[in-house]
Amino acid sequence: MSSPQNTPEVQRALLALSTIIRETTLFGARPIPPNPTRFNLLARPAPSVCGFCSLPGHYSGHSPATLTSALPCRAAFTSLFDFWTDVLAHLRVLHAGSPRFRVAVDNFAPVWALGEEGERAAPLPGGDVEVVLLDALARAWVKFGKFLGRVRARIFALVPIEECEVFEDEVRGGLNELLLNGLCLKDLFERSVAGERGE
């Protein structure tokens, strides 16, 4: 079902986020640039990743001898942080200017399975553009959160603490609010475990 007439700002935000989602598909993915900036390096599974930071597009070994040799890792993390900062900005435009998007956010029920693959993945929704968009972004955000949990110590070793704090305090909180109804990954995981136990 198509959305009603939107303001130019909302249309631009919808287009930007739709492009982001399309790039996670087999035919929409862009090649990783040599120097990624505001680029989603986790848009699709990669055949090879860096042994240190687990991101594609470069290789710094499993244990870089110096921080200088790990600069590509730092640039990759910064690119991802900036990418999600841009996503949050677009989402805020939608939330402020699109009643239909606000309804989608209010009715969305995030689950841990959004970050799973294959048979364990949450079923795909149908319906309005805003509903499908929200679901796809929430899936990407949960998967990114799982990735962060695995490499957090390496991020803090490479990325300036101020940049990490801004992302943790402002960007992560804003995205959790809009994509996960204010929940965090720990909340989703605990709910999933409780559900499996029948609690």
Foldseek 3Di string as FASTA:
>chain_A
DEDPDFDPLLVVLLVVLVLLLQCLDPPSPDDQDLQAALDDQVSYDDPDAELPLRGDNDYLHVDHPDLVSVVSVLSVVNSNLSNLVVNLVSLVSCCVTPPVLVVLQVPDADALLLQPDDPSHDDQDDDYSSNNSLSSVLSVVSVVVVSCVVNVVVNPVRYPPVSVCCSVPPSQQSCCVRNVVRDDSVVNVVVVVCVVVVD
